[in-house]
Amino acid sequence: MNKQQELTLINQRIETLFNVSKFNTQFWIVIVNDIYDHSYNIFLVNDDEGKGNVLFQFIRLKNIH
């Protein structure tokens, strides 16, 4: 997957997963450097007012050096 395809995929997932119509919900992104696999894992976290945090892998970017 080339960089343009990765950016397109990220944008599609952002539009789908960041539901801004949810009231009192916080969203944030966690980026983790996987030194063993030479990649970055990007996770999306949301906190829906007291229901607890939901964390899932958003995308894995490999060979970005």
N, C-alpha and C. Protein backbone atom coordinates (compact mmCIF):
# COMPACT_ATOMS: atom_id res chain seq x y z
N MET A 1 0.85 -1.16 0.00
CA MET A 1 0.00 0.00 0.00
C MET A 1 0.91 1.24 0.00
N ASN A 2 0.68 2.14 -0.93
CA ASN A 2 1.50 3.34 -0.98
C ASN A 2 0.96 4.40 -0.02
N LYS A 3 1.69 5.48 0.13
CA LYS A 3 1.33 6.51 1.11
C LYS A 3 -0.03 7.17 0.80
N GLN A 4 -0.32 7.38 -0.46
CA GLN A 4 -1.61 7.98 -0.82
C GLN A 4 -2.77 7.06 -0.45
N GLN A 5 -2.61 5.77 -0.68
CA GLN A 5 -3.66 4.82 -0.32
C GLN A 5 -3.84 4.77 1.20
N GLU A 6 -2.72 4.83 1.95
CA GLU A 6 -2.81 4.84 3.41
C GLU A 6 -3.55 6.08 3.90
N LEU A 7 -3.25 7.24 3.32
CA LEU A 7 -3.93 8.46 3.71
C LEU A 7 -5.43 8.40 3.40
N THR A 8 -5.77 7.85 2.27
CA THR A 8 -7.18 7.70 1.90
C THR A 8 -7.90 6.79 2.90
N LEU A 9 -7.26 5.68 3.26
CA LEU A 9 -7.84 4.75 4.22
C LEU A 9 -8.02 5.42 5.59
N ILE A 10 -7.02 6.17 6.03
CA ILE A 10 -7.11 6.87 7.31
C ILE A 10 -8.27 7.86 7.28
N ASN A 11 -8.39 8.64 6.22
CA ASN A 11 -9.48 9.61 6.12
C ASN A 11 -10.84 8.94 6.14
N GLN A 12 -10.97 7.81 5.46
CA GLN A 12 -12.24 7.09 5.45
C GLN A 12 -12.60 6.61 6.85
N ARG A 13 -11.61 6.09 7.56
CA ARG A 13 -11.88 5.59 8.91
C ARG A 13 -12.19 6.72 9.88
N ILE A 14 -11.53 7.86 9.72
CA ILE A 14 -11.82 9.01 10.57
C ILE A 14 -13.27 9.45 10.38
N GLU A 15 -13.70 9.55 9.13
CA GLU A 15 -15.08 9.98 8.86
C GLU A 15 -16.08 8.99 9.43
N THR A 16 -15.76 7.71 9.40
CA THR A 16 -16.68 6.68 9.90
C THR A 16 -16.69 6.62 11.42
N LEU A 17 -15.51 6.70 12.05
CA LEU A 17 -15.41 6.40 13.48
C LEU A 17 -15.57 7.61 14.39
N PHE A 18 -15.23 8.80 13.92
CA PHE A 18 -15.37 9.98 14.75
C PHE A 18 -16.77 10.54 14.58
N ASN A 19 -17.66 10.05 15.38
CA ASN A 19 -19.06 10.48 15.33
C ASN A 19 -19.23 11.73 16.19
N VAL A 20 -19.15 12.88 15.55
CA VAL A 20 -19.19 14.14 16.30
C VAL A 20 -20.59 14.48 16.81
N SER A 21 -21.57 13.70 16.42
CA SER A 21 -22.92 13.97 16.92
C SER A 21 -23.13 13.41 18.33
N LYS A 22 -22.18 12.62 18.81
CA LYS A 22 -22.29 12.09 20.18
C LYS A 22 -21.97 13.21 21.16
N PHE A 23 -22.91 13.49 22.04
CA PHE A 23 -22.74 14.55 23.02
C PHE A 23 -21.91 14.04 24.20
N ASN A 24 -21.01 14.87 24.70
CA ASN A 24 -20.15 14.53 25.85
C ASN A 24 -19.29 13.30 25.62
N THR A 25 -18.74 13.17 24.44
CA THR A 25 -17.84 12.07 24.12
C THR A 25 -16.47 12.64 23.75
N GLN A 26 -15.43 12.09 24.33
CA GLN A 26 -14.07 12.51 24.02
C GLN A 26 -13.42 11.47 23.11
N PHE A 27 -12.67 11.94 22.13
CA PHE A 27 -11.93 11.07 21.23
C PHE A 27 -10.46 11.45 21.29
N TRP A 28 -9.59 10.47 21.20
CA TRP A 28 -8.17 10.76 21.04
C TRP A 28 -7.49 9.61 20.33
N ILE A 29 -6.32 9.91 19.81
CA ILE A 29 -5.54 8.93 19.04
C ILE A 29 -4.25 8.64 19.79
N VAL A 30 -3.90 7.36 19.86
CA VAL A 30 -2.66 6.91 20.49
C VAL A 30 -1.80 6.29 19.40
N ILE A 31 -0.56 6.76 19.30
CA ILE A 31 0.37 6.23 18.30
C ILE A 31 1.49 5.50 19.03
N VAL A 32 1.70 4.23 18.65
CA VAL A 32 2.69 3.39 19.31
C VAL A 32 3.73 2.95 18.30
N ASN A 33 4.99 3.16 18.62
CA ASN A 33 6.10 2.74 17.77
C ASN A 33 6.43 1.28 18.10
N ASP A 34 6.20 0.38 17.16
CA ASP A 34 6.52 -1.03 17.33
C ASP A 34 7.93 -1.26 16.79
N ILE A 35 8.91 -1.24 17.70
CA ILE A 35 10.31 -1.31 17.27
C ILE A 35 10.68 -2.69 16.73
N TYR A 36 9.94 -3.71 17.10
CA TYR A 36 10.25 -5.07 16.65
C TYR A 36 9.71 -5.34 15.25
N ASP A 37 8.58 -4.74 14.93
CA ASP A 37 7.95 -4.96 13.64
C ASP A 37 8.23 -3.79 12.68
N HIS A 38 8.96 -2.79 13.15
CA HIS A 38 9.30 -1.60 12.34
C HIS A 38 8.04 -0.97 11.74
N SER A 39 7.09 -0.70 12.62
CA SER A 39 5.84 -0.11 12.17
C SER A 39 5.28 0.79 13.28
N TYR A 40 4.25 1.52 12.92
CA TYR A 40 3.52 2.33 13.89
C TYR A 40 2.09 1.82 13.93
N ASN A 41 1.58 1.62 15.13
CA ASN A 41 0.18 1.23 15.32
C ASN A 41 -0.57 2.45 15.82
N ILE A 42 -1.65 2.76 15.17
CA ILE A 42 -2.46 3.91 15.55
C ILE A 42 -3.79 3.39 16.09
N PHE A 43 -4.10 3.80 17.31
CA PHE A 43 -5.31 3.36 17.98
C PHE A 43 -6.25 4.54 18.17
N LEU A 44 -7.53 4.29 18.07
CA LEU A 44 -8.56 5.27 18.36
C LEU A 44 -9.16 4.93 19.71
N VAL A 45 -9.28 5.93 20.56
CA VAL A 45 -9.89 5.74 21.88
C VAL A 45 -11.05 6.71 21.99
N ASN A 46 -12.16 6.24 22.52
CA ASN A 46 -13.25 7.17 22.83
C ASN A 46 -13.80 6.88 24.21
N ASP A 47 -14.25 7.92 24.85
CA ASP A 47 -14.84 7.84 26.19
C ASP A 47 -16.24 8.42 26.09
N ASP A 48 -17.21 7.56 26.17
CA ASP A 48 -18.61 7.96 25.99
C ASP A 48 -19.27 8.21 27.35
N GLU A 49 -19.00 9.37 27.93
CA GLU A 49 -19.55 9.84 29.20
C GLU A 49 -19.84 8.73 30.21
N GLY A 50 -18.78 8.26 30.84
CA GLY A 50 -18.94 7.33 31.94
C GLY A 50 -19.14 5.88 31.55
N LYS A 51 -19.24 5.58 30.28
CA LYS A 51 -19.43 4.19 29.85
C LYS A 51 -18.10 3.47 29.71
N GLY A 52 -17.01 4.19 29.92
CA GLY A 52 -15.69 3.57 29.85
C GLY A 52 -15.02 3.83 28.51
N ASN A 53 -13.74 3.62 28.50
CA ASN A 53 -12.96 3.84 27.28
C ASN A 53 -13.07 2.65 26.34
N VAL A 54 -13.13 2.96 25.06
CA VAL A 54 -13.13 1.93 24.02
C VAL A 54 -11.88 2.17 23.18
N LEU A 55 -11.05 1.15 23.06
CA LEU A 55 -9.78 1.25 22.33
C LEU A 55 -9.77 0.20 21.24
N PHE A 56 -9.44 0.60 20.02
CA PHE A 56 -9.26 -0.39 18.97
C PHE A 56 -8.23 0.11 17.97
N GLN A 57 -7.60 -0.84 17.31
CA GLN A 57 -6.55 -0.49 16.36
C GLN A 57 -7.16 0.17 15.14
N PHE A 58 -6.66 1.33 14.84
CA PHE A 58 -7.16 2.15 13.75
C PHE A 58 -6.48 1.75 12.43
N ILE A 59 -5.15 1.70 12.47
CA ILE A 59 -4.38 1.32 11.29
C ILE A 59 -2.95 0.99 11.72
N ARG A 60 -2.26 0.18 10.95
CA ARG A 60 -0.85 -0.12 11.16
C ARG A 60 -0.09 0.37 9.93
N LEU A 61 0.91 1.21 10.18
CA LEU A 61 1.74 1.73 9.09
C LEU A 61 3.10 1.05 9.15
N LYS A 62 3.46 0.37 8.09
CA LYS A 62 4.73 -0.34 8.03
C LYS A 62 5.66 0.34 7.04
N ASN A 63 6.95 0.15 7.26
CA ASN A 63 7.98 0.65 6.35
C ASN A 63 7.82 2.13 6.05
N ILE A 64 7.73 2.92 7.09
CA ILE A 64 7.54 4.36 6.88
C ILE A 64 8.84 5.14 6.99
N HIS A 65 9.93 4.46 7.14
CA HIS A 65 11.23 5.14 7.28
C HIS A 65 11.67 5.74 5.98
